[in-house]
Amino acid sequence: MKYSVLLTSLLALTLTACSVQQELKNEVVKAETSNVSASNKFKKPNIVFIAIDDMNDWVGYMGGHPQAMTPNMDKLANEGVAFMNAHSVAPGCSPSRNALLYGIEPYHSGLYPFYEFDLHKQLKQKYTSLPILLKSNGYNTYGAGKIHHGKEYGETEWTDYLDADHQPKAFAKDKGFSTNKKNSFRPTTNPYEEMFDHQVASYGINVIKNKQKNDKPYFAAIGLVKPHLPFDCPVEFYDALPENITPPALLESDLNDIGKEGNSMRRAGDDKRFTAKNQWGDVRKAYLSCIAWADYNVGRILDAVENSPEADNTVVILWSDHGFHLGEKKSFKKFTLWEEANRVPFIIHDRREKETEQGRKVTQAVTLINVYRTLAEMAGIKAPDYVDGNSLVPQLLNQSSPVLAPAIASWGRGNYAVRTENWRFIQYFDGDQELYNHQNDNNEWHNLAKLPEYKAKVEELSALLPKNEAPTVEEYISQWSVFGADKARLKNDSAKQSKKQNKKTKKNKKNKVQ
């Protein structure tokens, strides 16, 4: 009997031990599974970074022009998150790209206008560019085309960089016109492979296709230059558009309520010439054809991503550095604080996210200053403390999540635009103000700033302006692009310097003669 009891007790202990052992084993398996899941979740994604030059809202999904031909960008917008109210940090290539790639607002850096390319040497001593951040945190970084404003192809930032060829262009006969090499609005007949953007896109495609499983994640920065001037692209895209291009809505008295500084930013001479010679139709057709050409190359890149081995671990981001005027406000090009020079395509598609809804849109106002922190968070990297803006990851997950900072653009020290979901407010350095209600005035024809019933709105938006301004960085400055509080002084300093240089030159010539 005692033996039986003892045997029963031993059996119970054995079963208990086995049970405990199994539970411990299960916990280990669960922990390992959890670690694998966490490892997959935080695996650094590949990043396809499509930068487009001078593209405004004449894109299908943005509704900027009824004749836009952009099926590939429209598809990307539908699959990813489209920021419908996205704006540049500054309406010019140099300040916009400096802000985005170094992660700092012009009013904090002092980089308001354009600069010569040598400026980047000193910027890299002070700031951490986005490519450097990614490269120093486990990424292979590849670039092609126009990423920085200027040729910045060094090994500090890039694992490899394509300096694409600019082949001589052959133009279709009796189509479009040109006034000089830059102001050209003509379709080309070159093979696609000779075109700059085709080479740039092909380089990016090779990076995407050749990624091996055990390679580091890649950052593929693909900089398409069209629709930047000259508006030259393959004739097939030009011919695909109708002969008569719908002009933007215009109002003859549009500029009557605009002050001196705002008017000084316009490229009025171009508007007068195109109007007098009845050339606006050709200009707009050439611009739309260049957008279609850019979209074609975007499509090639997206197809490569779709068919790549790591398609499901890739983030695609597409943006344009600023907008472009094509007659609105009687202006051509960019360089103003109005909507058309600042609103841009901006799409993020995180292909790691599955079973997401189609057609996700953020209607809150954002600027491209948020790109740096957004990509850093998506890559699991801490951004430097100085970096401005906020991560837009919350908006990628929930499009109604509040954006934490106002959307501010600058063009010269003291000149700022604040954009909210429904309003644009502009404050110039000389005190002039403009206020537009986009709920009923998308064309920004009616400046409400001086009307007493909008005083509270002006005060509300004024409170969002920068409280402190960095002084303008003057080394390597491009004098033609200076606006705002420093324009008169720097122009005067430049004139004095030029006068001094002329005297020195004359004196040297005189000494040589003697």
Protein backbone atom coordinates (compact mmCIF):
# COMPACT_ATOMS: atom_id res chain seq x y z
CA MET A 1 0.00 0.00 0.00
CA LYS A 2 2.81 2.37 0.93
CA TYR A 3 4.55 1.46 -2.33
CA SER A 4 1.38 2.25 -4.28
CA VAL A 5 1.05 5.66 -2.66
CA LEU A 6 4.70 6.41 -3.29
CA LEU A 7 4.38 5.39 -6.92
CA THR A 8 1.33 7.59 -7.35
CA SER A 9 3.19 10.55 -5.82
CA LEU A 10 6.21 10.05 -8.04
CA LEU A 11 3.97 9.83 -11.12
CA ALA A 12 2.24 13.06 -10.16
CA LEU A 13 5.57 14.82 -9.63
CA THR A 14 6.81 13.53 -12.99
CA LEU A 15 3.68 14.76 -14.78
CA THR A 16 3.94 18.13 -13.02
CA ALA A 17 7.60 18.44 -14.01
CA CYS A 18 6.76 17.56 -17.61
CA SER A 19 3.96 20.09 -17.60
CA VAL A 20 6.22 22.81 -16.23
CA GLN A 21 8.92 21.87 -18.72
CA GLN A 22 6.41 22.07 -21.58
CA GLU A 23 5.15 25.45 -20.37
CA LEU A 24 8.71 26.75 -20.19
CA LYS A 25 9.35 25.41 -23.69
CA ASN A 26 6.18 27.11 -24.95
CA GLU A 27 7.28 30.40 -23.39
CA VAL A 28 10.68 30.12 -25.07
CA VAL A 29 9.01 29.44 -28.43
CA LYS A 30 6.63 32.37 -27.89
CA ALA A 31 9.57 34.62 -26.99
CA GLU A 32 11.52 33.53 -30.06
CA THR A 33 8.45 34.05 -32.26
CA SER A 34 7.93 37.45 -30.69
CA ASN A 35 11.55 38.39 -31.34
CA VAL A 36 11.27 37.28 -34.99
CA SER A 37 8.08 39.32 -35.34
CA ALA A 38 9.72 42.35 -33.76
CA SER A 39 12.76 41.86 -35.99
CA ASN A 40 10.54 41.88 -39.09
CA LYS A 41 8.54 44.83 -37.83
CA PHE A 42 11.61 47.01 -37.29
CA LYS A 43 13.59 45.82 -40.29
CA LYS A 44 14.85 48.90 -42.10
CA PRO A 45 12.88 49.43 -45.31
CA ASN A 46 14.34 50.21 -48.69
CA ILE A 47 13.51 53.80 -49.63
CA VAL A 48 12.73 54.92 -53.19
CA PHE A 49 12.99 58.71 -53.08
CA ILE A 50 11.58 60.31 -56.26
CA ALA A 51 12.41 64.02 -56.43
CA ILE A 52 10.78 66.03 -59.23
CA ASP A 53 11.80 69.51 -60.32
CA ASP A 54 9.32 72.39 -60.76
CA MET A 55 6.14 70.29 -60.87
CA ASN A 56 3.03 72.16 -59.75
CA ASP A 57 -0.46 70.75 -59.16
CA TRP A 58 -1.14 70.06 -62.87
CA VAL A 59 -1.34 66.38 -61.95
CA GLY A 60 -4.45 64.24 -62.38
CA TYR A 61 -5.13 63.33 -58.74
CA MET A 62 -4.54 66.94 -57.62
CA GLY A 63 -7.06 68.41 -60.08
CA GLY A 64 -4.79 71.27 -61.13
CA HIS A 65 -5.43 70.92 -64.88
CA PRO A 66 -8.12 68.97 -66.75
CA GLN A 67 -5.73 67.81 -69.51
CA ALA A 68 -3.01 66.38 -67.27
CA MET A 69 -1.79 62.91 -68.27
CA THR A 70 -0.38 61.31 -65.11
CA PRO A 71 -1.74 57.76 -64.72
CA ASN A 72 1.29 56.51 -62.79
CA MET A 73 1.34 59.25 -60.17
CA ASP A 74 -2.44 58.93 -59.88
CA LYS A 75 -2.04 55.20 -59.21
CA LEU A 76 0.64 55.84 -56.59
CA ALA A 77 -1.58 58.44 -54.91
CA ASN A 78 -4.42 55.93 -54.81
CA GLU A 79 -2.29 53.15 -53.32
CA GLY A 80 -0.36 55.27 -50.85
CA VAL A 81 -1.19 58.37 -48.82
CA ALA A 82 -1.59 61.55 -50.87
CA PHE A 83 -0.95 64.82 -49.07
CA MET A 84 -3.43 66.96 -50.99
CA ASN A 85 -2.48 70.21 -49.28
CA ALA A 86 1.31 69.89 -49.47
CA HIS A 87 3.57 72.89 -50.04
CA SER A 88 7.20 73.74 -50.57
CA VAL A 89 9.35 75.26 -47.83
CA ALA A 90 10.44 77.92 -50.33
CA PRO A 91 9.40 78.56 -53.96
CA GLY A 92 12.87 78.02 -55.40
CA CYS A 93 15.07 74.96 -55.98
CA SER A 94 18.04 75.90 -53.78
CA PRO A 95 16.25 76.96 -50.56
CA SER A 96 13.59 74.26 -50.90
CA ARG A 97 16.07 71.41 -51.33
CA ASN A 98 18.44 72.76 -48.68
CA ALA A 99 15.56 72.81 -46.19
CA LEU A 100 14.35 69.30 -47.04
CA LEU A 101 17.76 67.57 -47.28
CA TYR A 102 19.35 69.24 -44.24
CA GLY A 103 16.09 69.31 -42.29
CA ILE A 104 16.08 72.97 -41.33
CA GLU A 105 13.73 75.88 -42.05
CA PRO A 106 15.22 78.90 -43.87
CA TYR A 107 14.34 81.15 -40.92
CA HIS A 108 16.51 78.92 -38.70
CA SER A 109 19.40 78.37 -41.15
CA GLY A 110 19.46 81.77 -42.88
CA LEU A 111 19.35 79.99 -46.26
CA TYR A 112 16.56 82.07 -47.82
CA PRO A 113 17.72 82.55 -51.45
CA PHE A 114 19.80 80.57 -53.95
CA TYR A 115 23.48 79.81 -53.39
CA GLU A 116 26.47 78.71 -55.40
CA PHE A 117 27.20 75.01 -55.12
CA ASP A 118 30.32 75.44 -52.95
CA LEU A 119 28.02 76.30 -50.04
CA HIS A 120 27.43 72.58 -49.40
CA LYS A 121 30.96 72.13 -48.03
CA GLN A 122 30.22 74.37 -45.07
CA LEU A 123 26.65 73.10 -44.66
CA LYS A 124 27.94 69.55 -44.14
CA GLN A 125 30.15 70.80 -41.32
CA LYS A 126 27.13 72.28 -39.56
CA TYR A 127 24.26 69.92 -40.44
CA THR A 128 23.65 66.23 -41.18
CA SER A 129 22.12 65.74 -44.61
CA LEU A 130 19.47 63.07 -45.05
CA PRO A 131 21.76 60.86 -47.21
CA ILE A 132 24.53 61.10 -44.60
CA LEU A 133 22.07 60.18 -41.82
CA LEU A 134 20.95 57.09 -43.72
CA LYS A 135 24.42 56.06 -44.87
CA SER A 136 25.83 56.27 -41.35
CA ASN A 137 22.94 54.15 -40.06
CA GLY A 138 23.21 51.06 -42.21
CA TYR A 139 21.99 52.15 -45.67
CA ASN A 140 23.61 51.98 -49.07
CA THR A 141 22.82 55.37 -50.60
CA TYR A 142 22.46 55.75 -54.36
CA GLY A 143 21.69 58.96 -56.22
CA ALA A 144 21.04 60.11 -59.77
CA GLY A 145 19.88 63.31 -61.42
CA LYS A 146 18.96 66.37 -59.38
CA ILE A 147 18.78 65.79 -55.64
CA HIS A 148 20.70 68.68 -54.09
CA HIS A 149 20.67 71.98 -55.94
CA GLY A 150 24.14 71.58 -57.36
CA LYS A 151 26.47 68.70 -58.07
CA GLU A 152 26.90 67.00 -54.70
CA TYR A 153 28.04 63.50 -55.58
CA GLY A 154 30.68 62.91 -52.88
CA GLU A 155 31.38 59.67 -51.02
CA THR A 156 30.41 61.27 -47.71
CA GLU A 157 26.79 61.08 -48.78
CA TRP A 158 26.64 58.51 -51.54
CA THR A 159 27.64 54.89 -51.98
CA ASP A 160 27.37 55.62 -55.70
CA TYR A 161 25.98 58.45 -57.86
CA LEU A 162 25.15 58.68 -61.55
CA ASP A 163 26.18 61.88 -63.29
CA ALA A 164 23.89 61.38 -66.29
CA ASP A 165 24.81 62.60 -69.77
CA HIS A 166 23.23 65.63 -71.42
CA GLN A 167 23.00 64.56 -75.05
CA PRO A 168 22.49 67.11 -77.87
CA LYS A 169 18.78 67.40 -78.64
CA ALA A 170 17.06 66.97 -81.98
CA PHE A 171 13.76 68.83 -82.25
CA ALA A 172 10.56 68.05 -84.10
CA LYS A 173 9.96 70.37 -87.02
CA ASP A 174 7.38 73.17 -86.75
CA LYS A 175 6.29 72.34 -83.20
CA GLY A 176 6.59 74.74 -80.30
CA PHE A 177 9.11 77.59 -80.18
CA SER A 178 12.19 78.84 -78.35
CA THR A 179 13.68 82.22 -77.53
CA ASN A 180 16.99 80.82 -76.26
CA LYS A 181 18.45 77.53 -75.04
CA LYS A 182 16.71 77.72 -71.66
CA ASN A 183 13.40 79.22 -72.78
CA SER A 184 12.63 76.37 -75.15
CA PHE A 185 9.18 74.84 -75.54
CA ARG A 186 9.79 72.19 -78.20
CA PRO A 187 9.36 68.41 -78.44
CA THR A 188 12.40 66.27 -79.15
CA THR A 189 12.96 63.32 -81.49
CA ASN A 190 15.91 61.73 -79.67
CA PRO A 191 15.66 58.08 -78.60
CA TYR A 192 14.35 57.89 -75.05
CA GLU A 193 17.65 56.40 -73.88
CA GLU A 194 19.45 59.65 -74.73
CA MET A 195 17.18 61.74 -72.54
CA PHE A 196 18.55 62.74 -69.13
CA ASP A 197 15.54 61.63 -67.08
CA HIS A 198 15.39 58.26 -68.81
CA GLN A 199 19.01 57.62 -67.81
CA VAL A 200 18.31 58.74 -64.25
CA ALA A 201 15.24 56.51 -63.93
CA SER A 202 17.14 53.55 -65.46
CA TYR A 203 19.88 53.92 -62.86
CA GLY A 204 17.31 53.85 -60.06
CA ILE A 205 15.62 50.83 -61.63
CA ASN A 206 18.93 48.94 -61.65
CA VAL A 207 19.45 49.71 -57.95
CA ILE A 208 15.96 48.40 -57.17
CA LYS A 209 16.26 45.25 -59.33
CA ASN A 210 19.76 44.28 -58.19
CA LYS A 211 19.17 44.44 -54.43
CA GLN A 212 20.29 41.12 -52.97
CA LYS A 213 18.64 39.55 -49.92
CA ASN A 214 21.61 40.03 -47.59
CA ASP A 215 22.60 43.48 -48.83
CA LYS A 216 22.11 46.55 -46.70
CA PRO A 217 18.82 48.34 -47.29
CA TYR A 218 19.06 50.96 -50.02
CA PHE A 219 18.14 54.62 -50.29
CA ALA A 220 17.60 55.27 -54.01
CA ALA A 221 17.34 59.02 -54.63
CA ILE A 222 16.07 59.50 -58.18
CA GLY A 223 16.00 63.14 -59.27
CA LEU A 224 13.89 63.83 -62.38
CA VAL A 225 14.52 67.29 -63.83
CA LYS A 226 11.39 67.67 -65.95
CA PRO A 227 9.22 69.71 -66.02
CA HIS A 228 12.00 72.22 -65.25
CA LEU A 229 12.88 74.56 -68.11
CA PRO A 230 13.59 74.03 -70.95
CA PHE A 231 10.23 72.35 -71.57
CA ASP A 232 11.69 69.83 -74.03
CA CYS A 233 10.61 66.17 -73.99
CA PRO A 234 9.89 63.36 -76.49
CA VAL A 235 7.44 64.32 -79.21
CA GLU A 236 5.06 61.41 -78.43
CA PHE A 237 4.05 63.08 -75.16
CA TYR A 238 3.61 66.46 -76.86
CA ASP A 239 1.46 64.98 -79.62
CA ALA A 240 -0.71 63.07 -77.13
CA LEU A 241 -2.10 66.40 -75.89
CA PRO A 242 -4.85 68.27 -77.74
CA GLU A 243 -3.93 71.24 -79.89
CA ASN A 244 -5.89 73.66 -77.71
CA ILE A 245 -4.79 73.72 -74.08
CA THR A 246 -7.22 74.97 -71.48
CA PRO A 247 -5.79 78.12 -69.87
CA PRO A 248 -5.97 78.62 -66.11
CA ALA A 249 -8.72 80.90 -64.82
CA LEU A 250 -7.56 84.52 -64.88
CA LEU A 251 -8.96 87.76 -63.51
CA GLU A 252 -7.94 91.06 -65.09
CA SER A 253 -8.08 92.97 -61.78
CA ASP A 254 -6.29 90.22 -59.85
CA LEU A 255 -3.27 92.34 -58.91
CA ASN A 256 -5.14 95.44 -57.77
CA ASP A 257 -4.99 94.41 -54.11
CA ILE A 258 -1.35 93.25 -54.13
CA GLY A 259 1.45 95.34 -52.58
CA LYS A 260 4.89 96.30 -53.85
CA GLU A 261 6.89 93.33 -52.55
CA GLY A 262 4.41 90.75 -53.77
CA ASN A 263 4.31 92.33 -57.23
CA SER A 264 8.11 92.51 -57.39
CA MET A 265 8.34 88.72 -57.17
CA ARG A 266 6.36 88.16 -60.38
CA ARG A 267 8.09 87.40 -63.67
CA ALA A 268 5.85 89.92 -65.40
CA GLY A 269 8.03 90.35 -68.49
CA ASP A 270 7.53 86.73 -69.55
CA ASP A 271 3.78 87.03 -69.14
CA LYS A 272 3.68 90.16 -71.31
CA ARG A 273 5.76 88.56 -74.06
CA PHE A 274 3.79 85.31 -74.16
CA THR A 275 0.51 87.22 -74.12
CA ALA A 276 1.55 89.68 -76.84
CA LYS A 277 2.77 86.90 -79.15
CA ASN A 278 -0.10 84.53 -78.33
CA GLN A 279 2.40 81.90 -77.10
CA TRP A 280 0.88 80.86 -73.78
CA GLY A 281 -0.84 77.88 -75.41
CA ASP A 282 2.50 76.50 -76.66
CA VAL A 283 4.14 77.11 -73.28
CA ARG A 284 1.40 75.31 -71.37
CA LYS A 285 1.30 72.42 -73.81
CA ALA A 286 5.07 71.96 -73.50
CA TYR A 287 4.82 72.05 -69.69
CA LEU A 288 2.02 69.46 -69.62
CA SER A 289 3.96 67.23 -72.02
CA CYS A 290 7.01 67.39 -69.72
CA ILE A 291 4.80 66.39 -66.78
CA ALA A 292 3.54 63.42 -68.84
CA TRP A 293 7.17 62.49 -69.64
CA ALA A 294 8.05 62.67 -65.93
CA ASP A 295 5.04 60.47 -65.16
CA TYR A 296 6.20 57.91 -67.73
CA ASN A 297 9.55 57.62 -65.93
CA VAL A 298 7.82 57.47 -62.55
CA GLY A 299 5.83 54.54 -63.93
CA ARG A 300 9.01 52.74 -64.96
CA ILE A 301 10.38 53.14 -61.44
CA LEU A 302 7.15 51.96 -59.80
CA ASP A 303 7.03 48.88 -62.04
CA ALA A 304 10.56 48.01 -60.92
CA VAL A 305 9.53 48.31 -57.28
CA GLU A 306 6.41 46.20 -57.86
CA ASN A 307 8.46 43.41 -59.44
CA SER A 308 11.41 43.57 -57.05
CA PRO A 309 12.19 40.78 -54.55
CA GLU A 310 11.75 43.20 -51.64
CA ALA A 311 8.67 45.01 -52.86
CA ASP A 312 6.96 44.39 -49.50
CA ASN A 313 9.79 46.03 -47.58
CA THR A 314 9.99 49.23 -49.60
CA VAL A 315 8.80 52.78 -48.95
CA VAL A 316 8.17 55.00 -51.98
CA ILE A 317 8.11 58.76 -51.49
CA LEU A 318 7.45 61.21 -54.34
CA TRP A 319 7.70 64.99 -54.06
CA SER A 320 8.30 68.13 -56.11
CA ASP A 321 10.50 70.91 -54.77
CA HIS A 322 7.95 73.68 -55.50
CA GLY A 323 5.16 74.72 -57.84
CA PHE A 324 5.12 76.85 -60.99
CA HIS A 325 3.12 79.76 -62.45
CA LEU A 326 1.83 79.51 -66.01
CA GLY A 327 0.01 82.81 -66.25
CA GLU A 328 -1.75 82.88 -62.87
CA LYS A 329 -1.19 86.25 -61.21
CA LYS A 330 0.23 87.29 -64.61
CA SER A 331 3.44 85.48 -63.77
CA PHE A 332 5.72 82.77 -65.15
CA LYS A 333 8.02 80.40 -63.24
CA LYS A 334 8.05 80.20 -59.43
CA PHE A 335 9.49 82.66 -56.86
CA THR A 336 6.26 83.90 -55.25
CA LEU A 337 4.40 83.07 -52.04
CA TRP A 338 1.09 82.36 -53.81
CA GLU A 339 -0.52 78.94 -54.08
CA GLU A 340 0.56 78.03 -57.60
CA ALA A 341 4.26 78.51 -56.84
CA ASN A 342 4.07 76.45 -53.66
CA ARG A 343 1.53 73.62 -53.87
CA VAL A 344 3.25 70.36 -54.83
CA PRO A 345 2.65 66.63 -55.39
CA PHE A 346 3.64 64.71 -52.24
CA ILE A 347 2.88 61.00 -51.83
CA ILE A 348 4.17 58.32 -49.44
CA HIS A 349 3.45 54.64 -50.05
CA ASP A 350 4.65 52.32 -47.30
CA ARG A 351 4.44 48.96 -49.02
CA ARG A 352 5.00 47.16 -45.71
CA GLU A 353 1.44 48.05 -44.75
CA LYS A 354 -1.04 45.48 -46.04
CA GLU A 355 -4.82 45.53 -46.38
CA THR A 356 -4.96 49.32 -46.42
CA GLU A 357 -7.77 51.34 -47.96
CA GLN A 358 -7.36 52.84 -51.41
CA GLY A 359 -7.45 56.60 -51.91
CA ARG A 360 -6.17 57.71 -48.52
CA LYS A 361 -5.79 61.50 -48.42
CA VAL A 362 -4.51 64.06 -45.93
CA THR A 363 -6.19 67.43 -46.45
CA GLN A 364 -4.38 69.26 -43.65
CA ALA A 365 -1.62 71.62 -44.78
CA VAL A 366 1.94 70.31 -44.59
CA THR A 367 5.28 71.33 -46.04
CA LEU A 368 8.26 69.29 -47.18
CA ILE A 369 10.18 70.20 -44.02
CA ASN A 370 8.53 67.10 -42.53
CA VAL A 371 10.19 64.67 -44.96
CA TYR A 372 13.44 64.33 -42.95
CA ARG A 373 11.83 63.31 -39.65
CA THR A 374 9.27 61.10 -41.42
CA LEU A 375 11.89 59.01 -43.22
CA ALA A 376 14.11 58.88 -40.14
CA GLU A 377 11.25 57.41 -38.09
CA MET A 378 10.28 54.96 -40.84
CA ALA A 379 13.90 53.77 -40.93
CA GLY A 380 14.10 53.49 -37.13
CA ILE A 381 16.74 56.21 -36.89
CA LYS A 382 16.84 59.14 -34.46
CA ALA A 383 16.97 62.45 -36.30
CA PRO A 384 19.47 65.06 -35.08
CA ASP A 385 18.04 67.36 -32.42
CA TYR A 386 18.28 70.47 -34.60
CA VAL A 387 15.99 69.07 -37.30
CA ASP A 388 12.76 71.01 -37.85
CA GLY A 389 9.35 69.65 -38.74
CA ASN A 390 7.50 66.60 -37.47
CA SER A 391 7.20 63.01 -38.55
CA LEU A 392 4.12 62.38 -40.67
CA VAL A 393 3.94 58.70 -39.65
CA PRO A 394 0.82 59.45 -37.54
CA GLN A 395 -0.90 60.82 -40.66
CA LEU A 396 0.15 57.75 -42.67
CA LEU A 397 -1.65 55.59 -40.12
CA ASN A 398 -4.62 57.90 -39.56
CA GLN A 399 -5.21 60.64 -42.11
CA SER A 400 -7.21 62.68 -39.59
CA SER A 401 -4.40 62.74 -37.04
CA PRO A 402 -3.61 66.42 -36.30
CA VAL A 403 -0.50 67.87 -37.94
CA LEU A 404 1.54 69.37 -35.12
CA ALA A 405 3.09 72.40 -36.85
CA PRO A 406 1.91 75.13 -39.22
CA ALA A 407 2.83 74.98 -42.90
CA ILE A 408 5.17 77.92 -43.50
CA ALA A 409 6.95 78.96 -46.69
CA SER A 410 9.51 81.74 -47.01
CA TRP A 411 11.01 83.72 -49.88
CA GLY A 412 13.52 86.18 -48.49
CA ARG A 413 13.96 87.14 -44.86
CA GLY A 414 10.74 88.67 -43.55
CA ASN A 415 8.53 87.28 -46.33
CA TYR A 416 6.35 84.34 -45.19
CA ALA A 417 3.23 82.46 -46.14
CA VAL A 418 1.20 80.42 -43.67
CA ARG A 419 -1.10 77.77 -45.13
CA THR A 420 -3.83 76.00 -43.17
CA GLU A 421 -6.50 73.64 -44.43
CA ASN A 422 -8.64 76.52 -45.72
CA TRP A 423 -6.53 79.70 -45.59
CA ARG A 424 -3.38 81.25 -47.00
CA PHE A 425 -1.91 84.23 -45.16
CA ILE A 426 1.11 86.14 -46.49
CA GLN A 427 3.18 88.61 -44.47
CA TYR A 428 5.85 90.64 -46.28
CA PHE A 429 8.84 92.27 -44.62
CA ASP A 430 7.45 95.76 -45.39
CA GLY A 431 4.19 95.11 -43.53
CA ASP A 432 1.98 94.27 -46.51
CA GLN A 433 -0.37 91.37 -45.92
CA GLU A 434 -2.58 89.07 -48.00
CA LEU A 435 -5.32 86.71 -46.85
CA TYR A 436 -7.17 84.21 -49.05
CA ASN A 437 -10.05 81.90 -48.18
CA HIS A 438 -9.59 78.67 -50.16
CA GLN A 439 -13.10 77.50 -49.35
CA ASN A 440 -14.42 79.90 -51.99
CA ASP A 441 -11.34 81.45 -53.63
CA ASN A 442 -8.91 78.78 -54.84
CA ASN A 443 -7.51 81.24 -57.38
CA GLU A 444 -6.51 83.71 -54.65
CA TRP A 445 -8.16 86.59 -56.45
CA HIS A 446 -9.58 88.42 -53.42
CA ASN A 447 -7.20 89.67 -50.76
CA LEU A 448 -9.20 89.88 -47.51
CA ALA A 449 -6.39 91.08 -45.24
CA LYS A 450 -7.55 94.70 -44.99
CA LEU A 451 -11.23 93.97 -44.43
CA PRO A 452 -12.24 94.58 -40.80
CA GLU A 453 -14.35 91.40 -40.58
CA TYR A 454 -11.18 89.34 -41.12
CA LYS A 455 -9.05 91.09 -38.50
CA ALA A 456 -9.31 88.16 -36.07
CA LYS A 457 -8.27 85.67 -38.75
CA VAL A 458 -5.26 87.82 -39.67
CA GLU A 459 -4.23 87.95 -36.00
CA GLU A 460 -4.71 84.21 -35.60
CA LEU A 461 -2.50 83.37 -38.60
CA SER A 462 0.04 86.10 -37.80
CA ALA A 463 0.65 84.36 -34.48
CA LEU A 464 1.98 81.34 -36.39
CA LEU A 465 4.78 83.32 -38.08
CA PRO A 466 8.40 82.76 -36.97
CA LYS A 467 9.17 84.63 -33.77
CA ASN A 468 12.90 84.81 -34.56
CA GLU A 469 14.74 84.98 -37.88
CA ALA A 470 18.26 83.81 -38.61
CA PRO A 471 20.31 86.42 -40.47
CA THR A 472 20.74 85.70 -44.17
CA VAL A 473 23.83 83.64 -44.98
CA GLU A 474 25.74 85.89 -47.39
CA GLU A 475 28.66 83.68 -48.43
CA TYR A 476 28.15 82.07 -51.85
CA ILE A 477 24.84 83.93 -52.26
CA SER A 478 23.22 84.30 -55.68
CA GLN A 479 22.44 88.00 -55.71
CA TRP A 480 19.57 87.83 -58.23
CA SER A 481 17.48 85.69 -55.89
CA VAL A 482 17.55 87.95 -52.82
CA PHE A 483 14.17 89.30 -51.70
CA GLY A 484 12.80 90.65 -48.47
CA ALA A 485 14.49 92.66 -45.74
CA ASP A 486 18.04 92.23 -47.07
CA LYS A 487 17.48 92.98 -50.75
CA ALA A 488 18.21 96.73 -50.76
CA ARG A 489 21.27 96.43 -48.49
CA LEU A 490 22.82 93.51 -50.35
CA LYS A 491 22.12 95.13 -53.71
CA ASN A 492 23.85 98.29 -52.49
CA ASP A 493 26.79 96.29 -51.09
CA SER A 494 27.08 94.43 -54.39
CA ALA A 495 27.08 97.69 -56.35
CA LYS A 496 29.83 99.10 -54.11
CA GLN A 497 31.89 95.94 -54.49
CA SER A 498 31.45 96.03 -58.25
CA LYS A 499 32.47 99.69 -58.38
CA LYS A 500 35.51 98.96 -56.25
CA GLN A 501 36.47 96.03 -58.50
CA ASN A 502 36.11 98.19 -61.64
CA LYS A 503 38.43 100.84 -60.16
CA LYS A 504 40.97 98.17 -59.31
CA THR A 505 40.77 96.74 -62.84
CA LYS A 506 41.24 100.19 -64.43
CA LYS A 507 44.20 100.89 -62.16
CA ASN A 508 45.85 97.60 -63.10
CA LYS A 509 45.34 98.34 -66.81
CA LYS A 510 46.84 101.81 -66.36
CA ASN A 511 49.87 100.39 -64.56
CA LYS A 512 50.38 97.86 -67.38
CA VAL A 513 50.34 100.66 -69.97
CA GLN A 514 52.91 102.64 -68.01
